[in-house]
PDB file of N, CA and C in Angstrom:
ATOM      1  N   UNK A   1      57.215 123.600 139.887  1.00  0.00           N
ATOM      2  CA  UNK A   1      58.232 124.539 139.483  1.00  0.00           C
ATOM      3  C   UNK A   1      59.103 123.926 138.384  1.00  0.00           C
ATOM      4  N   UNK A   2      59.420 124.710 137.380  1.00  0.00           N
ATOM      5  CA  UNK A   2      60.196 124.258 136.245  1.00  0.00           C
ATOM      6  C   UNK A   2      61.687 124.254 136.609  1.00  0.00           C
ATOM      7  N   UNK A   3      62.366 123.175 136.212  1.00  0.00           N
ATOM      8  CA  UNK A   3      63.809 123.090 136.433  1.00  0.00           C
ATOM      9  C   UNK A   3      64.552 124.050 135.518  1.00  0.00           C
ATOM     10  N   UNK A   4      65.551 124.711 136.049  1.00  0.00           N
ATOM     11  CA  UNK A   4      66.388 125.586 135.225  1.00  0.00           C
ATOM     12  C   UNK A   4      67.364 124.742 134.413  1.00  0.00           C
ATOM     13  N   UNK A   5      67.987 125.362 133.415  1.00  0.00           N
ATOM     14  CA  UNK A   5      68.999 124.647 132.630  1.00  0.00           C
ATOM     15  C   UNK A   5      70.140 124.195 133.535  1.00  0.00           C
ATOM     16  N   UNK A   6      70.547 125.055 134.478  1.00  0.00           N
ATOM     17  CA  UNK A   6      71.637 124.693 135.381  1.00  0.00           C
ATOM     18  C   UNK A   6      71.268 123.473 136.203  1.00  0.00           C
ATOM     19  N   UNK A   7      70.062 123.415 136.707  1.00  0.00           N
ATOM     20  CA  UNK A   7      69.618 122.256 137.491  1.00  0.00           C
ATOM     21  C   UNK A   7      69.596 120.990 136.629  1.00  0.00           C
ATOM     22  N   UNK A   8      69.158 121.121 135.392  1.00  0.00           N
ATOM     23  CA  UNK A   8      69.139 119.965 134.492  1.00  0.00           C
ATOM     24  C   UNK A   8      70.550 119.487 134.191  1.00  0.00           C
ATOM     25  N   UNK A   9      71.462 120.426 133.963  1.00  0.00           N
ATOM     26  CA  UNK A   9      72.854 120.057 133.683  1.00  0.00           C
ATOM     27  C   UNK A   9      73.510 119.439 134.913  1.00  0.00           C
ATOM     28  N   UNK A  10      73.199 119.955 136.098  1.00  0.00           N
ATOM     29  CA  UNK A  10      73.690 119.338 137.345  1.00  0.00           C
ATOM     30  C   UNK A  10      73.197 117.899 137.447  1.00  0.00           C
ATOM     31  N   UNK A  11      71.955 117.669 137.032  1.00  0.00           N
ATOM     32  CA  UNK A  11      71.395 116.324 137.038  1.00  0.00           C
ATOM     33  C   UNK A  11      72.130 115.385 136.098  1.00  0.00           C
ATOM     34  N   UNK A  12      72.536 115.901 134.946  1.00  0.00           N
ATOM     35  CA  UNK A  12      73.311 115.101 133.991  1.00  0.00           C
ATOM     36  C   UNK A  12      74.623 114.664 134.630  1.00  0.00           C
ATOM     37  N   UNK A  13      75.313 115.608 135.272  1.00  0.00           N
ATOM     38  CA  UNK A  13      76.589 115.271 135.906  1.00  0.00           C
ATOM     39  C   UNK A  13      76.401 114.304 137.069  1.00  0.00           C
ATOM     40  N   UNK A  14      75.328 114.468 137.821  1.00  0.00           N
ATOM     41  CA  UNK A  14      75.034 113.528 138.917  1.00  0.00           C
ATOM     42  C   UNK A  14      74.812 112.123 138.374  1.00  0.00           C
ATOM     43  N   UNK A  15      74.088 112.016 137.270  1.00  0.00           N
ATOM     44  CA  UNK A  15      73.857 110.711 136.650  1.00  0.00           C
ATOM     45  C   UNK A  15      75.163 110.094 136.174  1.00  0.00           C
ATOM     46  N   UNK A  16      76.008 110.909 135.596  1.00  0.00           N
ATOM     47  CA  UNK A  16      77.296 110.416 135.111  1.00  0.00           C
ATOM     48  C   UNK A  16      78.150 109.909 136.272  1.00  0.00           C
ATOM     49  N   UNK A  17      78.149 110.627 137.372  1.00  0.00           N
ATOM     50  CA  UNK A  17      78.938 110.206 138.535  1.00  0.00           C
ATOM     51  C   UNK A  17      78.443 108.885 139.122  1.00  0.00           C
ATOM     52  N   UNK A  18      77.183 108.553 138.890  1.00  0.00           N
ATOM     53  CA  UNK A  18      76.614 107.296 139.395  1.00  0.00           C
ATOM     54  C   UNK A  18      77.273 106.070 138.760  1.00  0.00           C
ATOM     55  N   UNK A  19      77.918 106.258 137.617  1.00  0.00           N
ATOM     56  CA  UNK A  19      78.625 105.150 136.961  1.00  0.00           C
ATOM     57  C   UNK A  19      79.761 104.670 137.855  1.00  0.00           C
ATOM     58  N   UNK A  20      80.349 105.603 138.614  1.00  0.00           N
ATOM     59  CA  UNK A  20      81.486 105.281 139.475  1.00  0.00           C
ATOM     60  C   UNK A  20      82.793 105.415 138.725  1.00  0.00           C
ATOM     61  N   UNK A  21      83.869 105.317 139.430  1.00  0.00           N
ATOM     62  CA  UNK A  21      85.219 105.357 138.878  1.00  0.00           C
ATOM     63  C   UNK A  21      85.576 106.691 138.242  1.00  0.00           C
ATOM     64  N   UNK A  22      84.835 107.749 138.569  1.00  0.00           N
ATOM     65  CA  UNK A  22      85.119 109.080 138.053  1.00  0.00           C
ATOM     66  C   UNK A  22      85.626 109.975 139.175  1.00  0.00           C
ATOM     67  N   UNK A  23      86.686 110.714 138.898  1.00  0.00           N
ATOM     68  CA  UNK A  23      87.206 111.696 139.848  1.00  0.00           C
ATOM     69  C   UNK A  23      86.537 113.048 139.649  1.00  0.00           C
ATOM     70  N   UNK A  24      86.194 113.346 138.405  1.00  0.00           N
ATOM     71  CA  UNK A  24      85.602 114.638 138.070  1.00  0.00           C
ATOM     72  C   UNK A  24      84.862 114.526 136.747  1.00  0.00           C
ATOM     73  N   UNK A  25      83.916 115.438 136.544  1.00  0.00           N
ATOM     74  CA  UNK A  25      83.239 115.533 135.255  1.00  0.00           C
ATOM     75  C   UNK A  25      82.745 116.960 135.088  1.00  0.00           C
ATOM     76  N   UNK A  26      82.530 117.332 133.851  1.00  0.00           N
ATOM     77  CA  UNK A  26      82.080 118.691 133.614  1.00  0.00           C
ATOM     78  C   UNK A  26      81.529 118.888 132.225  1.00  0.00           C
ATOM     79  N   UNK A  27      80.933 120.048 132.058  1.00  0.00           N
ATOM     80  CA  UNK A  27      80.423 120.478 130.765  1.00  0.00           C
ATOM     81  C   UNK A  27      81.071 121.822 130.494  1.00  0.00           C
ATOM     82  N   UNK A  28      81.747 121.925 129.349  1.00  0.00           N
ATOM     83  CA  UNK A  28      82.442 123.156 129.004  1.00  0.00           C
ATOM     84  C   UNK A  28      82.034 123.599 127.614  1.00  0.00           C
ATOM     85  N   UNK A  29      82.148 124.883 127.367  1.00  0.00           N
ATOM     86  CA  UNK A  29      81.864 125.384 126.026  1.00  0.00           C
ATOM     87  C   UNK A  29      83.071 125.113 125.143  1.00  0.00           C
ATOM     88  N   UNK A  30      82.846 125.084 123.834  1.00  0.00           N
ATOM     89  CA  UNK A  30      83.952 124.878 122.899  1.00  0.00           C
ATOM     90  C   UNK A  30      84.977 126.011 123.004  1.00  0.00           C
ATOM     91  N   UNK A  31      84.554 127.149 123.558  1.00  0.00           N
ATOM     92  CA  UNK A  31      85.467 128.279 123.749  1.00  0.00           C
ATOM     93  C   UNK A  31      86.269 128.159 125.041  1.00  0.00           C
ATOM     94  N   UNK A  32      85.993 127.110 125.847  1.00  0.00           N
ATOM     95  CA  UNK A  32      86.754 126.887 127.071  1.00  0.00           C
ATOM     96  C   UNK A  32      86.131 127.439 128.337  1.00  0.00           C
ATOM     97  N   UNK A  33      84.907 127.934 128.245  1.00  0.00           N
ATOM     98  CA  UNK A  33      84.239 128.471 129.429  1.00  0.00           C
ATOM     99  C   UNK A  33      83.539 127.356 130.200  1.00  0.00           C
ATOM    100  N   UNK A  34      83.660 127.397 131.492  1.00  0.00           N
ATOM    101  CA  UNK A  34      83.027 126.409 132.348  1.00  0.00           C
ATOM    102  C   UNK A  34      81.519 126.627 132.348  1.00  0.00           C
ATOM    103  N   UNK A  35      80.777 125.587 132.069  1.00  0.00           N
ATOM    104  CA  UNK A  35      79.316 125.645 132.128  1.00  0.00           C
ATOM    105  C   UNK A  35      78.841 125.044 133.438  1.00  0.00           C
ATOM    106  N   UNK A  36      79.373 123.868 133.777  1.00  0.00           N
ATOM    107  CA  UNK A  36      78.952 123.148 134.979  1.00  0.00           C
ATOM    108  C   UNK A  36      80.000 122.079 135.266  1.00  0.00           C
ATOM    109  N   UNK A  37      80.327 121.850 136.541  1.00  0.00           N
ATOM    110  CA  UNK A  37      81.351 120.842 136.835  1.00  0.00           C
ATOM    111  C   UNK A  37      81.168 120.251 138.220  1.00  0.00           C
ATOM    112  N   UNK A  38      81.676 119.056 138.352  1.00  0.00           N
ATOM    113  CA  UNK A  38      81.800 118.367 139.640  1.00  0.00           C
ATOM    114  C   UNK A  38      83.254 117.943 139.745  1.00  0.00           C
ATOM    115  N   UNK A  39      84.026 118.661 140.540  1.00  0.00           N
ATOM    116  CA  UNK A  39      85.458 118.381 140.647  1.00  0.00           C
ATOM    117  C   UNK A  39      85.878 118.333 142.116  1.00  0.00           C
ATOM    118  N   UNK A  40      86.909 117.538 142.409  1.00  0.00           N
ATOM    119  CA  UNK A  40      87.455 117.535 143.760  1.00  0.00           C
ATOM    120  C   UNK A  40      88.228 118.833 144.019  1.00  0.00           C
ATOM    121  N   UNK A  41      88.534 119.123 145.273  1.00  0.00           N
ATOM    122  CA  UNK A  41      89.216 120.377 145.606  1.00  0.00           C
ATOM    123  C   UNK A  41      90.574 120.569 144.916  1.00  0.00           C
ATOM    124  N   UNK A  42      91.253 119.490 144.575  1.00  0.00           N
ATOM    125  CA  UNK A  42      92.578 119.628 143.965  1.00  0.00           C
ATOM    126  C   UNK A  42      92.528 119.840 142.449  1.00  0.00           C
ATOM    127  N   UNK A  43      91.344 119.918 141.865  1.00  0.00           N
ATOM    128  CA  UNK A  43      91.196 120.161 140.433  1.00  0.00           C
ATOM    129  C   UNK A  43      90.531 121.523 140.244  1.00  0.00           C
ATOM    130  N   UNK A  44      91.220 122.432 139.573  1.00  0.00           N
ATOM    131  CA  UNK A  44      90.650 123.741 139.266  1.00  0.00           C
ATOM    132  C   UNK A  44      89.764 123.583 138.032  1.00  0.00           C
ATOM    133  N   UNK A  45      88.467 123.654 138.233  1.00  0.00           N
ATOM    134  CA  UNK A  45      87.501 123.388 137.157  1.00  0.00           C
ATOM    135  C   UNK A  45      87.670 124.339 135.978  1.00  0.00           C
ATOM    136  N   UNK A  46      88.014 125.579 136.242  1.00  0.00           N
ATOM    137  CA  UNK A  46      88.149 126.535 135.138  1.00  0.00           C
ATOM    138  C   UNK A  46      89.372 126.242 134.276  1.00  0.00           C
ATOM    139  N   UNK A  47      90.466 125.868 134.911  1.00  0.00           N
ATOM    140  CA  UNK A  47      91.660 125.505 134.141  1.00  0.00           C
ATOM    141  C   UNK A  47      91.408 124.215 133.370  1.00  0.00           C
ATOM    142  N   UNK A  48      90.786 123.230 134.039  1.00  0.00           N
ATOM    143  CA  UNK A  48      90.453 121.968 133.383  1.00  0.00           C
ATOM    144  C   UNK A  48      89.569 122.238 132.159  1.00  0.00           C
ATOM    145  N   UNK A  49      88.606 123.134 132.281  1.00  0.00           N
ATOM    146  CA  UNK A  49      87.713 123.486 131.175  1.00  0.00           C
ATOM    147  C   UNK A  49      88.485 124.052 129.995  1.00  0.00           C
ATOM    148  N   UNK A  50      89.353 124.989 130.284  1.00  0.00           N
ATOM    149  CA  UNK A  50      90.130 125.620 129.220  1.00  0.00           C
ATOM    150  C   UNK A  50      91.024 124.609 128.511  1.00  0.00           C
ATOM    151  N   UNK A  51      91.656 123.747 129.274  1.00  0.00           N
ATOM    152  CA  UNK A  51      92.543 122.739 128.684  1.00  0.00           C
ATOM    153  C   UNK A  51      91.760 121.742 127.838  1.00  0.00           C
ATOM    154  N   UNK A  52      90.605 121.311 128.327  1.00  0.00           N
ATOM    155  CA  UNK A  52      89.784 120.367 127.554  1.00  0.00           C
ATOM    156  C   UNK A  52      89.334 120.987 126.241  1.00  0.00           C
ATOM    157  N   UNK A  53      88.969 122.247 126.282  1.00  0.00           N
ATOM    158  CA  UNK A  53      88.566 122.942 125.069  1.00  0.00           C
ATOM    159  C   UNK A  53      89.728 123.025 124.076  1.00  0.00           C
ATOM    160  N   UNK A  54      90.923 123.279 124.589  1.00  0.00           N
ATOM    161  CA  UNK A  54      92.111 123.346 123.735  1.00  0.00           C
ATOM    162  C   UNK A  54      92.393 121.995 123.080  1.00  0.00           C
ATOM    163  N   UNK A  55      92.273 120.926 123.859  1.00  0.00           N
ATOM    164  CA  UNK A  55      92.495 119.575 123.328  1.00  0.00           C
ATOM    165  C   UNK A  55      91.478 119.271 122.225  1.00  0.00           C
ATOM    166  N   UNK A  56      90.209 119.581 122.491  1.00  0.00           N
ATOM    167  CA  UNK A  56      89.168 119.315 121.495  1.00  0.00           C
ATOM    168  C   UNK A  56      89.410 120.149 120.244  1.00  0.00           C
ATOM    169  N   UNK A  57      89.780 121.410 120.410  1.00  0.00           N
ATOM    170  CA  UNK A  57      90.041 122.276 119.265  1.00  0.00           C
ATOM    171  C   UNK A  57      91.180 121.742 118.405  1.00  0.00           C
ATOM    172  N   UNK A  58      92.241 121.274 119.048  1.00  0.00           N
ATOM    173  CA  UNK A  58      93.383 120.715 118.316  1.00  0.00           C
ATOM    174  C   UNK A  58      92.978 119.444 117.580  1.00  0.00           C
ATOM    175  N   UNK A  59      92.192 118.606 118.222  1.00  0.00           N
ATOM    176  CA  UNK A  59      91.742 117.368 117.576  1.00  0.00           C
ATOM    177  C   UNK A  59      90.845 117.671 116.380  1.00  0.00           C
ATOM    178  N   UNK A  60      89.955 118.655 116.535  1.00  0.00           N
ATOM    179  CA  UNK A  60      89.077 119.016 115.420  1.00  0.00           C
ATOM    180  C   UNK A  60      89.874 119.613 114.257  1.00  0.00           C
ATOM    181  N   UNK A  61      90.875 120.425 114.585  1.00  0.00           N
ATOM    182  CA  UNK A  61      91.721 121.002 113.527  1.00  0.00           C
ATOM    183  C   UNK A  61      92.480 119.901 112.787  1.00  0.00           C
ATOM    184  N   UNK A  62      93.022 118.954 113.523  1.00  0.00           N
ATOM    185  CA  UNK A  62      93.744 117.841 112.896  1.00  0.00           C
ATOM    186  C   UNK A  62      92.803 117.011 112.037  1.00  0.00           C
ATOM    187  N   UNK A  63      91.612 116.743 112.545  1.00  0.00           N
ATOM    188  CA  UNK A  63      90.635 115.959 111.804  1.00  0.00           C
ATOM    189  C   UNK A  63      90.215 116.667 110.520  1.00  0.00           C
ATOM    190  N   UNK A  64      90.018 117.975 110.607  1.00  0.00           N
ATOM    191  CA  UNK A  64      89.664 118.743 109.407  1.00  0.00           C
ATOM    192  C   UNK A  64      90.801 118.734 108.397  1.00  0.00           C
ATOM    193  N   UNK A  65      92.019 118.915 108.879  1.00  0.00           N
ATOM    194  CA  UNK A  65      93.188 118.941 107.992  1.00  0.00           C
ATOM    195  C   UNK A  65      93.369 117.605 107.278  1.00  0.00           C
ATOM    196  N   UNK A  66      93.105 116.527 107.996  1.00  0.00           N
ATOM    197  CA  UNK A  66      93.298 115.183 107.438  1.00  0.00           C
ATOM    198  C   UNK A  66      92.038 114.663 106.752  1.00  0.00           C
ATOM    199  N   UNK A  67      90.981 115.459 106.761  1.00  0.00           N
ATOM    200  CA  UNK A  67      89.676 115.104 106.195  1.00  0.00           C
ATOM    201  C   UNK A  67      89.198 113.728 106.666  1.00  0.00           C
ATOM    202  N   UNK A  68      89.216 113.539 107.991  1.00  0.00           N
ATOM    203  CA  UNK A  68      88.795 112.256 108.563  1.00  0.00           C
ATOM    204  C   UNK A  68      87.410 112.308 109.196  1.00  0.00           C
ATOM    205  N   UNK A  69      86.713 113.444 109.083  1.00  0.00           N
ATOM    206  CA  UNK A  69      85.367 113.538 109.643  1.00  0.00           C
ATOM    207  C   UNK A  69      85.361 114.188 111.010  1.00  0.00           C
ATOM    208  N   UNK A  70      84.192 114.183 111.626  1.00  0.00           N
ATOM    209  CA  UNK A  70      84.013 114.813 112.932  1.00  0.00           C
ATOM    210  C   UNK A  70      84.658 113.990 114.048  1.00  0.00           C
ATOM    211  N   UNK A  71      85.116 114.687 115.078  1.00  0.00           N
ATOM    212  CA  UNK A  71      85.666 114.034 116.263  1.00  0.00           C
ATOM    213  C   UNK A  71      84.490 113.548 117.112  1.00  0.00           C
ATOM    214  N   UNK A  72      84.475 112.258 117.453  1.00  0.00           N
ATOM    215  CA  UNK A  72      83.378 111.722 118.264  1.00  0.00           C
ATOM    216  C   UNK A  72      83.791 111.486 119.710  1.00  0.00           C
ATOM    217  N   UNK A  73      85.082 111.338 119.954  1.00  0.00           N
ATOM    218  CA  UNK A  73      85.562 111.198 121.334  1.00  0.00           C
ATOM    219  C   UNK A  73      87.074 111.335 121.360  1.00  0.00           C
ATOM    220  N   UNK A  74      87.570 111.744 122.514  1.00  0.00           N
ATOM    221  CA  UNK A  74      89.006 111.817 122.747  1.00  0.00           C
ATOM    222  C   UNK A  74      89.258 111.166 124.095  1.00  0.00           C
ATOM    223  N   UNK A  75      90.250 110.301 124.145  1.00  0.00           N
ATOM    224  CA  UNK A  75      90.606 109.641 125.395  1.00  0.00           C
ATOM    225  C   UNK A  75      92.117 109.744 125.589  1.00  0.00           C
ATOM    226  N   UNK A  76      92.521 110.312 126.716  1.00  0.00           N
ATOM    227  CA  UNK A  76      93.931 110.432 127.061  1.00  0.00           C
ATOM    228  C   UNK A  76      94.211 109.543 128.259  1.00  0.00           C
ATOM    229  N   UNK A  77      95.127 108.624 128.108  1.00  0.00           N
ATOM    230  CA  UNK A  77      95.489 107.738 129.211  1.00  0.00           C
ATOM    231  C   UNK A  77      96.737 108.310 129.882  1.00  0.00           C
ATOM    232  N   UNK A  78      96.655 108.532 131.182  1.00  0.00           N
ATOM    233  CA  UNK A  78      97.793 109.039 131.939  1.00  0.00           C
ATOM    234  C   UNK A  78      98.122 108.049 133.050  1.00  0.00           C
ATOM    235  N   UNK A  79      99.197 108.281 133.743  1.00  0.00           N
ATOM    236  CA  UNK A  79      99.574 107.343 134.802  1.00  0.00           C
ATOM    237  C   UNK A  79      98.631 107.390 135.998  1.00  0.00           C
ATOM    238  N   UNK A  80      97.796 108.434 136.102  1.00  0.00           N
ATOM    239  CA  UNK A  80      96.876 108.537 137.235  1.00  0.00           C
ATOM    240  C   UNK A  80      95.409 108.491 136.826  1.00  0.00           C
ATOM    241  N   UNK A  81      95.136 108.102 135.595  1.00  0.00           N
ATOM    242  CA  UNK A  81      93.750 108.009 135.157  1.00  0.00           C
ATOM    243  C   UNK A  81      93.604 108.382 133.695  1.00  0.00           C
ATOM    244  N   UNK A  82      92.375 108.600 133.286  1.00  0.00           N
ATOM    245  CA  UNK A  82      92.055 108.929 131.901  1.00  0.00           C
ATOM    246  C   UNK A  82      91.265 110.228 131.850  1.00  0.00           C
ATOM    247  N   UNK A  83      91.498 110.981 130.796  1.00  0.00           N
ATOM    248  CA  UNK A  83      90.694 112.161 130.511  1.00  0.00           C
ATOM    249  C   UNK A  83      89.906 111.834 129.256  1.00  0.00           C
ATOM    250  N   UNK A  84      88.591 111.961 129.339  1.00  0.00           N
ATOM    251  CA  UNK A  84      87.725 111.619 128.211  1.00  0.00           C
ATOM    252  C   UNK A  84      86.908 112.853 127.835  1.00  0.00           C
ATOM    253  N   UNK A  85      86.851 113.147 126.549  1.00  0.00           N
ATOM    254  CA  UNK A  85      86.091 114.273 126.025  1.00  0.00           C
ATOM    255  C   UNK A  85      85.155 113.773 124.942  1.00  0.00           C
ATOM    256  N   UNK A  86      83.905 114.201 125.025  1.00  0.00           N
ATOM    257  CA  UNK A  86      82.914 113.855 124.000  1.00  0.00           C
ATOM    258  C   UNK A  86      82.140 115.118 123.640  1.00  0.00           C
ATOM    259  N   UNK A  87      82.037 115.448 122.348  1.00  0.00           N
ATOM    260  CA  UNK A  87      81.241 116.616 121.976  1.00  0.00           C
ATOM    261  C   UNK A  87      79.785 116.437 122.431  1.00  0.00           C
ATOM    262  N   UNK A  88      79.222 117.540 122.921  1.00  0.00           N
ATOM    263  CA  UNK A  88      77.812 117.545 123.323  1.00  0.00           C
ATOM    264  C   UNK A  88      77.118 118.599 122.464  1.00  0.00           C
ATOM    265  N   UNK A  89      76.897 118.245 121.217  1.00  0.00           N
ATOM    266  CA  UNK A  89      76.367 119.204 120.271  1.00  0.00           C
ATOM    267  C   UNK A  89      77.495 119.997 119.647  1.00  0.00           C
ATOM    268  N   UNK A  90      77.159 121.105 119.013  1.00  0.00           N
ATOM    269  CA  UNK A  90      78.155 121.884 118.289  1.00  0.00           C
ATOM    270  C   UNK A  90      78.879 122.900 119.158  1.00  0.00           C
ATOM    271  N   UNK A  91      78.392 123.131 120.386  1.00  0.00           N
ATOM    272  CA  UNK A  91      78.969 124.205 121.195  1.00  0.00           C
ATOM    273  C   UNK A  91      79.467 123.782 122.563  1.00  0.00           C
ATOM    274  N   UNK A  92      79.360 122.510 122.923  1.00  0.00           N
ATOM    275  CA  UNK A  92      79.763 122.080 124.267  1.00  0.00           C
ATOM    276  C   UNK A  92      80.514 120.757 124.224  1.00  0.00           C
ATOM    277  N   UNK A  93      81.208 120.486 125.320  1.00  0.00           N
ATOM    278  CA  UNK A  93      81.994 119.255 125.464  1.00  0.00           C
ATOM    279  C   UNK A  93      81.677 118.657 126.833  1.00  0.00           C
ATOM    280  N   UNK A  94      81.401 117.364 126.862  1.00  0.00           N
ATOM    281  CA  UNK A  94      81.240 116.637 128.124  1.00  0.00           C
ATOM    282  C   UNK A  94      82.600 116.036 128.459  1.00  0.00           C
ATOM    283  N   UNK A  95      83.077 116.298 129.670  1.00  0.00           N
ATOM    284  CA  UNK A  95      84.417 115.858 130.069  1.00  0.00           C
ATOM    285  C   UNK A  95      84.345 114.931 131.277  1.00  0.00           C
ATOM    286  N   UNK A  96      85.329 114.052 131.389  1.00  0.00           N
ATOM    287  CA  UNK A  96      85.419 113.184 132.565  1.00  0.00           C
ATOM    288  C   UNK A  96      86.881 112.887 132.860  1.00  0.00           C
ATOM    289  N   UNK A  97      87.178 112.791 134.130  1.00  0.00           N
ATOM    290  CA  UNK A  97      88.486 112.382 134.622  1.00  0.00           C
ATOM    291  C   UNK A  97      88.255 111.105 135.414  1.00  0.00           C
ATOM    292  N   UNK A  98      88.842 109.993 134.965  1.00  0.00           N
ATOM    293  CA  UNK A  98      88.548 108.693 135.568  1.00  0.00           C
ATOM    294  C   UNK A  98      89.644 108.243 136.533  1.00  0.00           C
ATOM    295  N   UNK A  99      89.293 107.222 137.301  1.00  0.00           N
ATOM    296  CA  UNK A  99      90.281 106.525 138.113  1.00  0.00           C
ATOM    297  C   UNK A  99      91.221 105.760 137.173  1.00  0.00           C
ATOM    298  N   UNK A 100      92.348 105.317 137.685  1.00  0.00           N
ATOM    299  CA  UNK A 100      93.355 104.641 136.867  1.00  0.00           C
ATOM    300  C   UNK A 100      92.832 103.391 136.175  1.00  0.00           C
ATOM    301  N   UNK A 101      92.133 102.537 136.891  1.00  0.00           N
ATOM    302  CA  UNK A 101      91.670 101.268 136.333  1.00  0.00           C
ATOM    303  C   UNK A 101      90.180 101.282 136.002  1.00  0.00           C
ATOM    304  N   UNK A 102      89.677 102.418 135.612  1.00  0.00           N
ATOM    305  CA  UNK A 102      88.249 102.548 135.310  1.00  0.00           C
ATOM    306  C   UNK A 102      87.863 101.712 134.095  1.00  0.00           C
ATOM    307  N   UNK A 103      86.615 101.277 134.086  1.00  0.00           N
ATOM    308  CA  UNK A 103      86.072 100.539 132.943  1.00  0.00           C
ATOM    309  C   UNK A 103      85.617 101.555 131.896  1.00  0.00           C
ATOM    310  N   UNK A 104      86.500 101.829 130.966  1.00  0.00           N
ATOM    311  CA  UNK A 104      86.294 102.886 129.985  1.00  0.00           C
ATOM    312  C   UNK A 104      85.060 102.632 129.122  1.00  0.00           C
ATOM    313  N   UNK A 105      84.804 101.387 128.765  1.00  0.00           N
ATOM    314  CA  UNK A 105      83.647 101.077 127.926  1.00  0.00           C
ATOM    315  C   UNK A 105      82.345 101.526 128.560  1.00  0.00           C
ATOM    316  N   UNK A 106      82.169 101.227 129.827  1.00  0.00           N
ATOM    317  CA  UNK A 106      80.960 101.625 130.548  1.00  0.00           C
ATOM    318  C   UNK A 106      80.859 103.142 130.645  1.00  0.00           C
ATOM    319  N   UNK A 107      81.974 103.783 130.943  1.00  0.00           N
ATOM    320  CA  UNK A 107      81.981 105.237 131.069  1.00  0.00           C
ATOM    321  C   UNK A 107      81.662 105.894 129.727  1.00  0.00           C
ATOM    322  N   UNK A 108      82.266 105.418 128.645  1.00  0.00           N
ATOM    323  CA  UNK A 108      81.984 105.979 127.317  1.00  0.00           C
ATOM    324  C   UNK A 108      80.522 105.796 126.927  1.00  0.00           C
ATOM    325  N   UNK A 109      79.987 104.625 127.220  1.00  0.00           N
ATOM    326  CA  UNK A 109      78.579 104.368 126.910  1.00  0.00           C
ATOM    327  C   UNK A 109      77.681 105.390 127.612  1.00  0.00           C
ATOM    328  N   UNK A 110      77.929 105.608 128.882  1.00  0.00           N
ATOM    329  CA  UNK A 110      77.122 106.565 129.654  1.00  0.00           C
ATOM    330  C   UNK A 110      77.372 108.002 129.189  1.00  0.00           C
ATOM    331  N   UNK A 111      78.623 108.325 128.891  1.00  0.00           N
ATOM    332  CA  UNK A 111      78.934 109.681 128.438  1.00  0.00           C
ATOM    333  C   UNK A 111      78.243 110.004 127.119  1.00  0.00           C
ATOM    334  N   UNK A 112      78.188 109.057 126.202  1.00  0.00           N
ATOM    335  CA  UNK A 112      77.523 109.297 124.924  1.00  0.00           C
ATOM    336  C   UNK A 112      76.040 109.617 125.140  1.00  0.00           C
ATOM    337  N   UNK A 113      75.414 108.878 126.030  1.00  0.00           N
ATOM    338  CA  UNK A 113      74.011 109.118 126.344  1.00  0.00           C
ATOM    339  C   UNK A 113      73.827 110.488 127.009  1.00  0.00           C
ATOM    340  N   UNK A 114      74.686 110.797 127.947  1.00  0.00           N
ATOM    341  CA  UNK A 114      74.571 112.076 128.665  1.00  0.00           C
ATOM    342  C   UNK A 114      74.914 113.259 127.764  1.00  0.00           C
ATOM    343  N   UNK A 115      75.821 113.068 126.802  1.00  0.00           N
ATOM    344  CA  UNK A 115      76.156 114.143 125.859  1.00  0.00           C
ATOM    345  C   UNK A 115      74.930 114.541 125.042  1.00  0.00           C
ATOM    346  N   UNK A 116      74.123 113.564 124.667  1.00  0.00           N
ATOM    347  CA  UNK A 116      72.874 113.863 123.954  1.00  0.00           C
ATOM    348  C   UNK A 116      71.936 114.679 124.832  1.00  0.00           C
ATOM    349  N   UNK A 117      71.870 114.334 126.111  1.00  0.00           N
ATOM    350  CA  UNK A 117      71.036 115.086 127.057  1.00  0.00           C
ATOM    351  C   UNK A 117      71.516 116.530 127.167  1.00  0.00           C
ATOM    352  N   UNK A 118      72.825 116.714 127.266  1.00  0.00           N
ATOM    353  CA  UNK A 118      73.394 118.061 127.367  1.00  0.00           C
ATOM    354  C   UNK A 118      73.009 118.888 126.146  1.00  0.00           C
ATOM    355  N   UNK A 119      73.152 118.289 124.975  1.00  0.00           N
ATOM    356  CA  UNK A 119      72.797 119.007 123.743  1.00  0.00           C
ATOM    357  C   UNK A 119      71.331 119.434 123.764  1.00  0.00           C
ATOM    358  N   UNK A 120      70.446 118.542 124.171  1.00  0.00           N
ATOM    359  CA  UNK A 120      69.016 118.865 124.231  1.00  0.00           C
ATOM    360  C   UNK A 120      68.733 119.972 125.238  1.00  0.00           C
ATOM    361  N   UNK A 121      69.383 119.920 126.388  1.00  0.00           N
ATOM    362  CA  UNK A 121      69.163 120.949 127.412  1.00  0.00           C
ATOM    363  C   UNK A 121      69.656 122.311 126.931  1.00  0.00           C
ATOM    364  N   UNK A 122      70.855 122.359 126.380  1.00  0.00           N
ATOM    365  CA  UNK A 122      71.425 123.628 125.957  1.00  0.00           C
ATOM    366  C   UNK A 122      70.683 124.251 124.779  1.00  0.00           C
ATOM    367  N   UNK A 123      70.109 123.408 123.936  1.00  0.00           N
ATOM    368  CA  UNK A 123      69.380 123.925 122.766  1.00  0.00           C
ATOM    369  C   UNK A 123      67.890 124.015 123.013  1.00  0.00           C
ATOM    370  N   UNK A 124      67.461 123.679 124.218  1.00  0.00           N
ATOM    371  CA  UNK A 124      66.061 123.834 124.592  1.00  0.00           C
ATOM    372  C   UNK A 124      65.090 122.926 123.905  1.00  0.00           C
ATOM    373  N   UNK A 125      65.549 121.747 123.473  1.00  0.00           N
ATOM    374  CA  UNK A 125      64.634 120.819 122.801  1.00  0.00           C
ATOM    375  C   UNK A 125      64.160 119.742 123.739  1.00  0.00           C
TER     376      UNK A 125
END
């Protein structure tokens, strides 16, 4: 039986969670629509999706205005963890919410790899 796109995307998020030190992760459209997520009960995945899309949109607008090129990642450090956003192709964003003392380098490395997978799955390549 052939895996559906949803099953493949769930697999991407499962692989990302294997890195550890993540509270939540998801895939959202650039328009802010939830595609797929793994979140704890205290995180509303749809609101998180919309906010991540807004952050990415603002960063892309600033980058375009300043002519600094494409946005490759966004990392927000908060007192309770980090929010990391990486574009997954032209229409999606891979998101993660980390623990406070997470090893960001390892998480970014894995997210970059998984973002490529998301792009391939969504575009059917």
